Amino acid sequence: FCDANAVPYQIVLTKTDKAGKVASEKCKSETVSATAKRGACIARVCAT
């Protein structure tokens, strides 16, 4: 929806302490890959 309507957005991963370091880093890598070619997405993924 955001891509179709040119609404700028950025992904913020939450609860990284509950996921654990390896799982949250894997999630971040997968998220970066999944968002790389999206038109309205800011490329930086924040892990929090």
ModelCIF file with pLDDT and N, C-alpha, C, O atoms, coordinates in Angstrom:
data_MODEL
#
_entry.id   MODEL 
#
_entity.id                         1 
_entity.type                       polymer 
_entity.pdbx_number_of_molecules   1 
#
_entity_poly.entity_id                      1 
_entity_poly.type                           'polypeptide(L)' 
_entity_poly.nstd_linkage                   no 
_entity_poly.nstd_monomer                   no 
_entity_poly.pdbx_seq_one_letter_code       FCDANAVPYQIVLTKTDKAGKVASEKCKSETVSATAKRGACIARVCAT 
_entity_poly.pdbx_seq_one_letter_code_can   FCDANAVPYQIVLTKTDKAGKVASEKCKSETVSATAKRGACIARVCAT 
_entity_poly.pdbx_strand_id                 A 
#
loop_
_entity_poly_seq.entity_id 
_entity_poly_seq.num 
_entity_poly_seq.mon_id 
_entity_poly_seq.hetero 
1 1  PHE n 
1 2  CYS n 
1 3  ASP n 
1 4  ALA n 
1 5  ASN n 
1 6  ALA n 
1 7  VAL n 
1 8  PRO n 
1 9  TYR n 
1 10 GLN n 
1 11 ILE n 
1 12 VAL n 
1 13 LEU n 
1 14 THR n 
1 15 LYS n 
1 16 THR n 
1 17 ASP n 
1 18 LYS n 
1 19 ALA n 
1 20 GLY n 
1 21 LYS n 
1 22 VAL n 
1 23 ALA n 
1 24 SER n 
1 25 GLU n 
1 26 LYS n 
1 27 CYS n 
1 28 LYS n 
1 29 SER n 
1 30 GLU n 
1 31 THR n 
1 32 VAL n 
1 33 SER n 
1 34 ALA n 
1 35 THR n 
1 36 ALA n 
1 37 LYS n 
1 38 ARG n 
1 39 GLY n 
1 40 ALA n 
1 41 CYS n 
1 42 ILE n 
1 43 ALA n 
1 44 ARG n 
1 45 VAL n 
1 46 CYS n 
1 47 ALA n 
1 48 THR n 
#
_struct_asym.id          A 
_struct_asym.entity_id   1 
#
loop_
_ma_qa_metric.id 
_ma_qa_metric.mode 
_ma_qa_metric.name 
_ma_qa_metric.software_group_id 
_ma_qa_metric.type 
1 global pLDDT . pLDDT 
2 local  pLDDT . pLDDT 
#
_ma_qa_metric_global.metric_id      1 
_ma_qa_metric_global.metric_value   95.38 
_ma_qa_metric_global.model_id       1 
_ma_qa_metric_global.ordinal_id     1 
#
loop_
_ma_qa_metric_local.label_asym_id 
_ma_qa_metric_local.label_comp_id 
_ma_qa_metric_local.label_seq_id 
_ma_qa_metric_local.metric_id 
_ma_qa_metric_local.metric_value 
_ma_qa_metric_local.model_id 
_ma_qa_metric_local.ordinal_id 
A PHE 1  2 95.00 1 1  
A CYS 2  2 97.00 1 2  
A ASP 3  2 97.00 1 3  
A ALA 4  2 97.00 1 4  
A ASN 5  2 97.00 1 5  
A ALA 6  2 97.00 1 6  
A VAL 7  2 97.00 1 7  
A PRO 8  2 98.00 1 8  
A TYR 9  2 98.00 1 9  
A GLN 10 2 98.00 1 10 
A ILE 11 2 98.00 1 11 
A VAL 12 2 98.00 1 12 
A LEU 13 2 97.00 1 13 
A THR 14 2 97.00 1 14 
A LYS 15 2 96.00 1 15 
A THR 16 2 96.00 1 16 
A ASP 17 2 95.00 1 17 
A LYS 18 2 94.00 1 18 
A ALA 19 2 92.00 1 19 
A GLY 20 2 89.00 1 20 
A LYS 21 2 91.00 1 21 
A VAL 22 2 94.00 1 22 
A ALA 23 2 94.00 1 23 
A SER 24 2 93.00 1 24 
A GLU 25 2 95.00 1 25 
A LYS 26 2 96.00 1 26 
A CYS 27 2 96.00 1 27 
A LYS 28 2 96.00 1 28 
A SER 29 2 96.00 1 29 
A GLU 30 2 96.00 1 30 
A THR 31 2 97.00 1 31 
A VAL 32 2 96.00 1 32 
A SER 33 2 95.00 1 33 
A ALA 34 2 94.00 1 34 
A THR 35 2 95.00 1 35 
A ALA 36 2 93.00 1 36 
A LYS 37 2 91.00 1 37 
A ARG 38 2 95.00 1 38 
A GLY 39 2 93.00 1 39 
A ALA 40 2 97.00 1 40 
A CYS 41 2 97.00 1 41 
A ILE 42 2 95.00 1 42 
A ALA 43 2 89.00 1 43 
A ARG 44 2 94.00 1 44 
A VAL 45 2 97.00 1 45 
A CYS 46 2 97.00 1 46 
A ALA 47 2 96.00 1 47 
A THR 48 2 97.00 1 48 
#
loop_
_atom_site.group_PDB 
_atom_site.id 
_atom_site.type_symbol 
_atom_site.label_atom_id 
_atom_site.label_alt_id 
_atom_site.label_comp_id 
_atom_site.label_asym_id 
_atom_site.label_entity_id 
_atom_site.label_seq_id 
_atom_site.pdbx_PDB_ins_code 
_atom_site.Cartn_x 
_atom_site.Cartn_y 
_atom_site.Cartn_z 
_atom_site.occupancy 
_atom_site.B_iso_or_equiv 
_atom_site.pdbx_formal_charge 
_atom_site.auth_seq_id 
_atom_site.auth_comp_id 
_atom_site.auth_asym_id 
_atom_site.auth_atom_id 
_atom_site.pdbx_PDB_model_num 
ATOM 1   N N  . PHE A 1 1  ? 0.835  -1.199  0.000  1.00 95.00 ? 1  PHE A N  1 
ATOM 2   C CA . PHE A 1 1  ? 0.000  0.000   0.000  1.00 95.00 ? 1  PHE A CA 1 
ATOM 3   C C  . PHE A 1 1  ? 0.874  1.255   0.000  1.00 95.00 ? 1  PHE A C  1 
ATOM 4   O O  . PHE A 1 1  ? 0.630  2.188   -0.765 1.00 95.00 ? 1  PHE A O  1 
ATOM 5   N N  . CYS A 1 2  ? 1.883  1.270   0.854  1.00 97.00 ? 2  CYS A N  1 
ATOM 6   C CA . CYS A 1 2  ? 2.787  2.431   0.916  1.00 97.00 ? 2  CYS A CA 1 
ATOM 7   C C  . CYS A 1 2  ? 3.537  2.611   -0.401 1.00 97.00 ? 2  CYS A C  1 
ATOM 8   O O  . CYS A 1 2  ? 3.666  3.737   -0.883 1.00 97.00 ? 2  CYS A O  1 
ATOM 9   N N  . ASP A 1 3  ? 4.030  1.530   -0.989 1.00 97.00 ? 3  ASP A N  1 
ATOM 10  C CA . ASP A 1 3  ? 4.718  1.617   -2.275 1.00 97.00 ? 3  ASP A CA 1 
ATOM 11  C C  . ASP A 1 3  ? 3.787  2.174   -3.356 1.00 97.00 ? 3  ASP A C  1 
ATOM 12  O O  . ASP A 1 3  ? 4.177  3.052   -4.125 1.00 97.00 ? 3  ASP A O  1 
ATOM 13  N N  . ALA A 1 4  ? 2.558  1.661   -3.409 1.00 97.00 ? 4  ALA A N  1 
ATOM 14  C CA . ALA A 1 4  ? 1.595  2.081   -4.435 1.00 97.00 ? 4  ALA A CA 1 
ATOM 15  C C  . ALA A 1 4  ? 1.187  3.540   -4.280 1.00 97.00 ? 4  ALA A C  1 
ATOM 16  O O  . ALA A 1 4  ? 0.821  4.195   -5.256 1.00 97.00 ? 4  ALA A O  1 
ATOM 17  N N  . ASN A 1 5  ? 1.250  4.053   -3.038 1.00 97.00 ? 5  ASN A N  1 
ATOM 18  C CA . ASN A 1 5  ? 0.818  5.423   -2.772 1.00 97.00 ? 5  ASN A CA 1 
ATOM 19  C C  . ASN A 1 5  ? 1.973  6.368   -2.460 1.00 97.00 ? 5  ASN A C  1 
ATOM 20  O O  . ASN A 1 5  ? 1.751  7.486   -1.994 1.00 97.00 ? 5  ASN A O  1 
ATOM 21  N N  . ALA A 1 6  ? 3.197  5.932   -2.711 1.00 97.00 ? 6  ALA A N  1 
ATOM 22  C CA . ALA A 1 6  ? 4.415  6.743   -2.496 1.00 97.00 ? 6  ALA A CA 1 
ATOM 23  C C  . ALA A 1 6  ? 4.485  7.312   -1.079 1.00 97.00 ? 6  ALA A C  1 
ATOM 24  O O  . ALA A 1 6  ? 4.807  8.484   -0.883 1.00 97.00 ? 6  ALA A O  1 
ATOM 25  N N  . VAL A 1 7  ? 4.178  6.460   -0.092 1.00 97.00 ? 7  VAL A N  1 
ATOM 26  C CA . VAL A 1 7  ? 4.284  6.847   1.317  1.00 97.00 ? 7  VAL A CA 1 
ATOM 27  C C  . VAL A 1 7  ? 5.618  6.314   1.828  1.00 97.00 ? 7  VAL A C  1 
ATOM 28  O O  . VAL A 1 7  ? 5.783  5.099   1.931  1.00 97.00 ? 7  VAL A O  1 
ATOM 29  N N  . PRO A 1 8  ? 6.586  7.193   2.153  1.00 98.00 ? 8  PRO A N  1 
ATOM 30  C CA . PRO A 1 8  ? 7.892  6.713   2.606  1.00 98.00 ? 8  PRO A CA 1 
ATOM 31  C C  . PRO A 1 8  ? 7.798  5.957   3.934  1.00 98.00 ? 8  PRO A C  1 
ATOM 32  O O  . PRO A 1 8  ? 7.151  6.407   4.879  1.00 98.00 ? 8  PRO A O  1 
ATOM 33  N N  . TYR A 1 9  ? 8.458  4.802   3.981  1.00 98.00 ? 9  TYR A N  1 
ATOM 34  C CA . TYR A 1 9  ? 8.422  4.002   5.200  1.00 98.00 ? 9  TYR A CA 1 
ATOM 35  C C  . TYR A 1 9  ? 9.778  3.353   5.431  1.00 98.00 ? 9  TYR A C  1 
ATOM 36  O O  . TYR A 1 9  ? 10.601 3.229   4.524  1.00 98.00 ? 9  TYR A O  1 
ATOM 37  N N  . GLN A 1 10 ? 9.979  2.946   6.679  1.00 98.00 ? 10 GLN A N  1 
ATOM 38  C CA . GLN A 1 10 ? 11.220 2.291   7.079  1.00 98.00 ? 10 GLN A CA 1 
ATOM 39  C C  . GLN A 1 10 ? 10.875 1.169   8.041  1.00 98.00 ? 10 GLN A C  1 
ATOM 40  O O  . GLN A 1 10 ? 10.008 1.328   8.900  1.00 98.00 ? 10 GLN A O  1 
ATOM 41  N N  . ILE A 1 11 ? 11.549 0.036   7.901  1.00 98.00 ? 11 ILE A N  1 
ATOM 42  C CA . ILE A 1 11 ? 11.290 -1.105  8.779  1.00 98.00 ? 11 ILE A CA 1 
ATOM 43  C C  . ILE A 1 11 ? 12.105 -0.963  10.060 1.00 98.00 ? 11 ILE A C  1 
ATOM 44  O O  . ILE A 1 11 ? 13.296 -0.656  10.028 1.00 98.00 ? 11 ILE A O  1 
ATOM 45  N N  . VAL A 1 12 ? 11.435 -1.192  11.182 1.00 98.00 ? 12 VAL A N  1 
ATOM 46  C CA . VAL A 1 12 ? 12.082 -1.209  12.493 1.00 98.00 ? 12 VAL A CA 1 
ATOM 47  C C  . VAL A 1 12 ? 11.780 -2.560  13.129 1.00 98.00 ? 12 VAL A C  1 
ATOM 48  O O  . VAL A 1 12 ? 10.625 -2.874  13.419 1.00 98.00 ? 12 VAL A O  1 
ATOM 49  N N  . LEU A 1 13 ? 12.817 -3.351  13.342 1.00 97.00 ? 13 LEU A N  1 
ATOM 50  C CA . LEU A 1 13 ? 12.641 -4.634  14.026 1.00 97.00 ? 13 LEU A CA 1 
ATOM 51  C C  . LEU A 1 13 ? 12.556 -4.376  15.520 1.00 97.00 ? 13 LEU A C  1 
ATOM 52  O O  . LEU A 1 13 ? 13.329 -3.587  16.064 1.00 97.00 ? 13 LEU A O  1 
ATOM 53  N N  . THR A 1 14 ? 11.625 -5.035  16.179 1.00 97.00 ? 14 THR A N  1 
ATOM 54  C CA . THR A 1 14 ? 11.437 -4.868  17.621 1.00 97.00 ? 14 THR A CA 1 
ATOM 55  C C  . THR A 1 14 ? 11.749 -6.173  18.347 1.00 97.00 ? 14 THR A C  1 
ATOM 56  O O  . THR A 1 14 ? 11.861 -7.235  17.735 1.00 97.00 ? 14 THR A O  1 
ATOM 57  N N  . LYS A 1 15 ? 11.882 -6.067  19.633 1.00 96.00 ? 15 LYS A N  1 
ATOM 58  C CA . LYS A 1 15 ? 12.032 -7.222  20.525 1.00 96.00 ? 15 LYS A CA 1 
ATOM 59  C C  . LYS A 1 15 ? 13.248 -8.085  20.166 1.00 96.00 ? 15 LYS A C  1 
ATOM 60  O O  . LYS A 1 15 ? 13.189 -9.310  20.274 1.00 96.00 ? 15 LYS A O  1 
ATOM 61  N N  . THR A 1 16 ? 14.347 -7.453  19.742 1.00 96.00 ? 16 THR A N  1 
ATOM 62  C CA . THR A 1 16 ? 15.538 -8.223  19.367 1.00 96.00 ? 16 THR A CA 1 
ATOM 63  C C  . THR A 1 16 ? 16.129 -8.962  20.558 1.00 96.00 ? 16 THR A C  1 
ATOM 64  O O  . THR A 1 16 ? 16.765 -10.001 20.384 1.00 96.00 ? 16 THR A O  1 
ATOM 65  N N  . ASP A 1 17 ? 15.927 -8.441  21.766 1.00 95.00 ? 17 ASP A N  1 
ATOM 66  C CA . ASP A 1 17 ? 16.423 -9.119  22.963 1.00 95.00 ? 17 ASP A CA 1 
ATOM 67  C C  . ASP A 1 17 ? 15.707 -10.446 23.183 1.00 95.00 ? 17 ASP A C  1 
ATOM 68  O O  . ASP A 1 17 ? 16.293 -11.385 23.722 1.00 95.00 ? 17 ASP A O  1 
ATOM 69  N N  . LYS A 1 18 ? 14.456 -10.530 22.772 1.00 94.00 ? 18 LYS A N  1 
ATOM 70  C CA . LYS A 1 18 ? 13.681 -11.758 22.950 1.00 94.00 ? 18 LYS A CA 1 
ATOM 71  C C  . LYS A 1 18 ? 13.987 -12.778 21.849 1.00 94.00 ? 18 LYS A C  1 
ATOM 72  O O  . LYS A 1 18 ? 13.830 -13.981 22.053 1.00 94.00 ? 18 LYS A O  1 
ATOM 73  N N  . ALA A 1 19 ? 14.422 -12.297 20.691 1.00 92.00 ? 19 ALA A N  1 
ATOM 74  C CA . ALA A 1 19 ? 14.729 -13.182 19.571 1.00 92.00 ? 19 ALA A CA 1 
ATOM 75  C C  . ALA A 1 19 ? 16.103 -13.817 19.720 1.00 92.00 ? 19 ALA A C  1 
ATOM 76  O O  . ALA A 1 19 ? 16.329 -14.937 19.262 1.00 92.00 ? 19 ALA A O  1 
ATOM 77  N N  . GLY A 1 20 ? 17.006 -13.109 20.353 1.00 89.00 ? 20 GLY A N  1 
ATOM 78  C CA . GLY A 1 20 ? 18.386 -13.588 20.443 1.00 89.00 ? 20 GLY A CA 1 
ATOM 79  C C  . GLY A 1 20 ? 19.206 -13.019 19.299 1.00 89.00 ? 20 GLY A C  1 
ATOM 80  O O  . GLY A 1 20 ? 18.667 -12.650 18.255 1.00 89.00 ? 20 GLY A O  1 
ATOM 81  N N  . LYS A 1 21 ? 20.500 -12.953 19.504 1.00 91.00 ? 21 LYS A N  1 
ATOM 82  C CA . LYS A 1 21 ? 21.406 -12.291 18.549 1.00 91.00 ? 21 LYS A CA 1 
ATOM 83  C C  . LYS A 1 21 ? 21.389 -12.944 17.163 1.00 91.00 ? 21 LYS A C  1 
ATOM 84  O O  . LYS A 1 21 ? 21.232 -12.247 16.161 1.00 91.00 ? 21 LYS A O  1 
ATOM 85  N N  . VAL A 1 22 ? 21.547 -14.246 17.092 1.00 94.00 ? 22 VAL A N  1 
ATOM 86  C CA . VAL A 1 22 ? 21.616 -14.932 15.797 1.00 94.00 ? 22 VAL A CA 1 
ATOM 87  C C  . VAL A 1 22 ? 20.288 -14.799 15.046 1.00 94.00 ? 22 VAL A C  1 
ATOM 88  O O  . VAL A 1 22 ? 20.277 -14.470 13.859 1.00 94.00 ? 22 VAL A O  1 
ATOM 89  N N  . ALA A 1 23 ? 19.181 -15.051 15.727 1.00 94.00 ? 23 ALA A N  1 
ATOM 90  C CA . ALA A 1 23 ? 17.863 -14.980 15.086 1.00 94.00 ? 23 ALA A CA 1 
ATOM 91  C C  . ALA A 1 23 ? 17.544 -13.558 14.644 1.00 94.00 ? 23 ALA A C  1 
ATOM 92  O O  . ALA A 1 23 ? 16.994 -13.365 13.560 1.00 94.00 ? 23 ALA A O  1 
ATOM 93  N N  . SER A 1 24 ? 17.880 -12.549 15.462 1.00 93.00 ? 24 SER A N  1 
ATOM 94  C CA . SER A 1 24 ? 17.556 -11.174 15.073 1.00 93.00 ? 24 SER A CA 1 
ATOM 95  C C  . SER A 1 24 ? 18.442 -10.707 13.922 1.00 93.00 ? 24 SER A C  1 
ATOM 96  O O  . SER A 1 24 ? 17.985 -9.939  13.074 1.00 93.00 ? 24 SER A O  1 
ATOM 97  N N  . GLU A 1 25 ? 19.690 -11.150 13.873 1.00 95.00 ? 25 GLU A N  1 
ATOM 98  C CA . GLU A 1 25 ? 20.562 -10.799 12.734 1.00 95.00 ? 25 GLU A CA 1 
ATOM 99  C C  . GLU A 1 25 ? 20.067 -11.473 11.453 1.00 95.00 ? 25 GLU A C  1 
ATOM 100 O O  . GLU A 1 25 ? 20.104 -10.868 10.382 1.00 95.00 ? 25 GLU A O  1 
ATOM 101 N N  . LYS A 1 26 ? 19.609 -12.713 11.559 1.00 96.00 ? 26 LYS A N  1 
ATOM 102 C CA . LYS A 1 26 ? 19.038 -13.402 10.398 1.00 96.00 ? 26 LYS A CA 1 
ATOM 103 C C  . LYS A 1 26 ? 17.780 -12.674 9.921  1.00 96.00 ? 26 LYS A C  1 
ATOM 104 O O  . LYS A 1 26 ? 17.590 -12.473 8.722  1.00 96.00 ? 26 LYS A O  1 
ATOM 105 N N  . CYS A 1 27 ? 16.929 -12.283 10.860 1.00 96.00 ? 27 CYS A N  1 
ATOM 106 C CA . CYS A 1 27 ? 15.705 -11.556 10.522 1.00 96.00 ? 27 CYS A CA 1 
ATOM 107 C C  . CYS A 1 27 ? 16.048 -10.232 9.834  1.00 96.00 ? 27 CYS A C  1 
ATOM 108 O O  . CYS A 1 27 ? 15.407 -9.851  8.856  1.00 96.00 ? 27 CYS A O  1 
ATOM 109 N N  . LYS A 1 28 ? 17.058 -9.539  10.349 1.00 96.00 ? 28 LYS A N  1 
ATOM 110 C CA . LYS A 1 28 ? 17.460 -8.257  9.748  1.00 96.00 ? 28 LYS A CA 1 
ATOM 111 C C  . LYS A 1 28 ? 17.952 -8.481  8.321  1.00 96.00 ? 28 LYS A C  1 
ATOM 112 O O  . LYS A 1 28 ? 17.575 -7.730  7.420  1.00 96.00 ? 28 LYS A O  1 
ATOM 113 N N  . SER A 1 29 ? 18.772 -9.479  8.099  1.00 96.00 ? 29 SER A N  1 
ATOM 114 C CA . SER A 1 29 ? 19.295 -9.777  6.765  1.00 96.00 ? 29 SER A CA 1 
ATOM 115 C C  . SER A 1 29 ? 18.161 -10.117 5.795  1.00 96.00 ? 29 SER A C  1 
ATOM 116 O O  . SER A 1 29 ? 18.141 -9.632  4.663  1.00 96.00 ? 29 SER A O  1 
ATOM 117 N N  . GLU A 1 30 ? 17.229 -10.944 6.237  1.00 96.00 ? 30 GLU A N  1 
ATOM 118 C CA . GLU A 1 30 ? 16.089 -11.326 5.395  1.00 96.00 ? 30 GLU A CA 1 
ATOM 119 C C  . GLU A 1 30 ? 15.211 -10.114 5.089  1.00 96.00 ? 30 GLU A C  1 
ATOM 120 O O  . GLU A 1 30 ? 14.687 -9.987  3.982  1.00 96.00 ? 30 GLU A O  1 
ATOM 121 N N  . THR A 1 31 ? 15.053 -9.225  6.070  1.00 97.00 ? 31 THR A N  1 
ATOM 122 C CA . THR A 1 31 ? 14.232 -8.023  5.884  1.00 97.00 ? 31 THR A CA 1 
ATOM 123 C C  . THR A 1 31 ? 14.888 -7.070  4.897  1.00 97.00 ? 31 THR A C  1 
ATOM 124 O O  . THR A 1 31 ? 14.214 -6.499  4.039  1.00 97.00 ? 31 THR A O  1 
ATOM 125 N N  . VAL A 1 32 ? 16.203 -6.897  5.014  1.00 96.00 ? 32 VAL A N  1 
ATOM 126 C CA . VAL A 1 32 ? 16.933 -6.044  4.069  1.00 96.00 ? 32 VAL A CA 1 
ATOM 127 C C  . VAL A 1 32 ? 16.741 -6.581  2.653  1.00 96.00 ? 32 VAL A C  1 
ATOM 128 O O  . VAL A 1 32 ? 16.484 -5.807  1.731  1.00 96.00 ? 32 VAL A O  1 
ATOM 129 N N  . SER A 1 33 ? 16.861 -7.881  2.471  1.00 95.00 ? 33 SER A N  1 
ATOM 130 C CA . SER A 1 33 ? 16.677 -8.495  1.148  1.00 95.00 ? 33 SER A CA 1 
ATOM 131 C C  . SER A 1 33 ? 15.254 -8.293  0.636  1.00 95.00 ? 33 SER A C  1 
ATOM 132 O O  . SER A 1 33 ? 15.051 -7.973  -0.535 1.00 95.00 ? 33 SER A O  1 
ATOM 133 N N  . ALA A 1 34 ? 14.276 -8.480  1.511  1.00 94.00 ? 34 ALA A N  1 
ATOM 134 C CA . ALA A 1 34 ? 12.868 -8.380  1.113  1.00 94.00 ? 34 ALA A CA 1 
ATOM 135 C C  . ALA A 1 34 ? 12.443 -6.961  0.777  1.00 94.00 ? 34 ALA A C  1 
ATOM 136 O O  . ALA A 1 34 ? 11.462 -6.769  0.059  1.00 94.00 ? 34 ALA A O  1 
ATOM 137 N N  . THR A 1 35 ? 13.156 -5.964  1.277  1.00 95.00 ? 35 THR A N  1 
ATOM 138 C CA . THR A 1 35 ? 12.757 -4.574  1.064  1.00 95.00 ? 35 THR A CA 1 
ATOM 139 C C  . THR A 1 35 ? 13.643 -3.852  0.054  1.00 95.00 ? 35 THR A C  1 
ATOM 140 O O  . THR A 1 35 ? 13.374 -2.698  -0.281 1.00 95.00 ? 35 THR A O  1 
ATOM 141 N N  . ALA A 1 36 ? 14.680 -4.499  -0.431 1.00 93.00 ? 36 ALA A N  1 
ATOM 142 C CA . ALA A 1 36 ? 15.686 -3.848  -1.281 1.00 93.00 ? 36 ALA A CA 1 
ATOM 143 C C  . ALA A 1 36 ? 15.114 -3.179  -2.526 1.00 93.00 ? 36 ALA A C  1 
ATOM 144 O O  . ALA A 1 36 ? 15.583 -2.107  -2.912 1.00 93.00 ? 36 ALA A O  1 
ATOM 145 N N  . LYS A 1 37 ? 14.137 -3.769  -3.149 1.00 91.00 ? 37 LYS A N  1 
ATOM 146 C CA . LYS A 1 37 ? 13.625 -3.225  -4.410 1.00 91.00 ? 37 LYS A CA 1 
ATOM 147 C C  . LYS A 1 37 ? 12.268 -2.547  -4.264 1.00 91.00 ? 37 LYS A C  1 
ATOM 148 O O  . LYS A 1 37 ? 11.573 -2.325  -5.256 1.00 91.00 ? 37 LYS A O  1 
ATOM 149 N N  . ARG A 1 38 ? 11.896 -2.223  -3.054 1.00 95.00 ? 38 ARG A N  1 
ATOM 150 C CA . ARG A 1 38 ? 10.606 -1.569  -2.843 1.00 95.00 ? 38 ARG A CA 1 
ATOM 151 C C  . ARG A 1 38 ? 10.770 -0.066  -3.026 1.00 95.00 ? 38 ARG A C  1 
ATOM 152 O O  . ARG A 1 38 ? 11.703 0.539   -2.497 1.00 95.00 ? 38 ARG A O  1 
ATOM 153 N N  . GLY A 1 39 ? 9.856  0.525   -3.779 1.00 93.00 ? 39 GLY A N  1 
ATOM 154 C CA . GLY A 1 39 ? 9.981  1.925   -4.177 1.00 93.00 ? 39 GLY A CA 1 
ATOM 155 C C  . GLY A 1 39 ? 9.938  2.966   -3.074 1.00 93.00 ? 39 GLY A C  1 
ATOM 156 O O  . GLY A 1 39 ? 10.691 3.939   -3.131 1.00 93.00 ? 39 GLY A O  1 
ATOM 157 N N  . ALA A 1 40 ? 9.091  2.799   -2.078 1.00 97.00 ? 40 ALA A N  1 
ATOM 158 C CA . ALA A 1 40 ? 8.934  3.827   -1.045 1.00 97.00 ? 40 ALA A CA 1 
ATOM 159 C C  . ALA A 1 40 ? 9.695  3.501   0.238  1.00 97.00 ? 40 ALA A C  1 
ATOM 160 O O  . ALA A 1 40 ? 9.646  4.267   1.200  1.00 97.00 ? 40 ALA A O  1 
ATOM 161 N N  . CYS A 1 41 ? 10.395 2.371   0.255  1.00 97.00 ? 41 CYS A N  1 
ATOM 162 C CA . CYS A 1 41 ? 11.060 1.918   1.478  1.00 97.00 ? 41 CYS A CA 1 
ATOM 163 C C  . CYS A 1 41 ? 12.444 2.551   1.629  1.00 97.00 ? 41 CYS A C  1 
ATOM 164 O O  . CYS A 1 41 ? 13.247 2.543   0.696  1.00 97.00 ? 41 CYS A O  1 
ATOM 165 N N  . ILE A 1 42 ? 12.711 3.100   2.816  1.00 95.00 ? 42 ILE A N  1 
ATOM 166 C CA . ILE A 1 42 ? 14.048 3.587   3.168  1.00 95.00 ? 42 ILE A CA 1 
ATOM 167 C C  . ILE A 1 42 ? 14.892 2.333   3.414  1.00 95.00 ? 42 ILE A C  1 
ATOM 168 O O  . ILE A 1 42 ? 14.463 1.427   4.128  1.00 95.00 ? 42 ILE A O  1 
ATOM 169 N N  . ALA A 1 43 ? 16.077 2.280   2.831  1.00 89.00 ? 43 ALA A N  1 
ATOM 170 C CA . ALA A 1 43 ? 16.880 1.059   2.831  1.00 89.00 ? 43 ALA A CA 1 
ATOM 171 C C  . ALA A 1 43 ? 17.370 0.613   4.206  1.00 89.00 ? 43 ALA A C  1 
ATOM 172 O O  . ALA A 1 43 ? 17.572 -0.584  4.411  1.00 89.00 ? 43 ALA A O  1 
ATOM 173 N N  . ARG A 1 44 ? 17.565 1.515   5.141  1.00 94.00 ? 44 ARG A N  1 
ATOM 174 C CA . ARG A 1 44 ? 18.126 1.142   6.447  1.00 94.00 ? 44 ARG A CA 1 
ATOM 175 C C  . ARG A 1 44 ? 17.072 0.455   7.323  1.00 94.00 ? 44 ARG A C  1 
ATOM 176 O O  . ARG A 1 44 ? 15.973 0.978   7.508  1.00 94.00 ? 44 ARG A O  1 
ATOM 177 N N  . VAL A 1 45 ? 17.411 -0.698  7.849  1.00 97.00 ? 45 VAL A N  1 
ATOM 178 C CA . VAL A 1 45 ? 16.546 -1.420  8.783  1.00 97.00 ? 45 VAL A CA 1 
ATOM 179 C C  . VAL A 1 45 ? 17.127 -1.216  10.182 1.00 97.00 ? 45 VAL A C  1 
ATOM 180 O O  . VAL A 1 45 ? 18.293 -1.525  10.427 1.00 97.00 ? 45 VAL A O  1 
ATOM 181 N N  . CYS A 1 46 ? 16.310 -0.696  11.092 1.00 97.00 ? 46 CYS A N  1 
ATOM 182 C CA . CYS A 1 46 ? 16.745 -0.499  12.488 1.00 97.00 ? 46 CYS A CA 1 
ATOM 183 C C  . CYS A 1 46 ? 16.354 -1.727  13.299 1.00 97.00 ? 46 CYS A C  1 
ATOM 184 O O  . CYS A 1 46 ? 15.227 -2.211  13.194 1.00 97.00 ? 46 CYS A O  1 
ATOM 185 N N  . ALA A 1 47 ? 17.278 -2.228  14.103 1.00 96.00 ? 47 ALA A N  1 
ATOM 186 C CA . ALA A 1 47 ? 17.002 -3.356  14.995 1.00 96.00 ? 47 ALA A CA 1 
ATOM 187 C C  . ALA A 1 47 ? 16.988 -2.814  16.423 1.00 96.00 ? 47 ALA A C  1 
ATOM 188 O O  . ALA A 1 47 ? 17.976 -2.239  16.880 1.00 96.00 ? 47 ALA A O  1 
ATOM 189 N N  . THR A 1 48 ? 15.874 -2.995  17.125 1.00 97.00 ? 48 THR A N  1 
ATOM 190 C CA . THR A 1 48 ? 15.707 -2.363  18.432 1.00 97.00 ? 48 THR A CA 1 
ATOM 191 C C  . THR A 1 48 ? 15.208 -3.332  19.502 1.00 97.00 ? 48 THR A C  1 
ATOM 192 O O  . THR A 1 48 ? 15.021 -2.938  20.653 1.00 97.00 ? 48 THR A O  1 
#
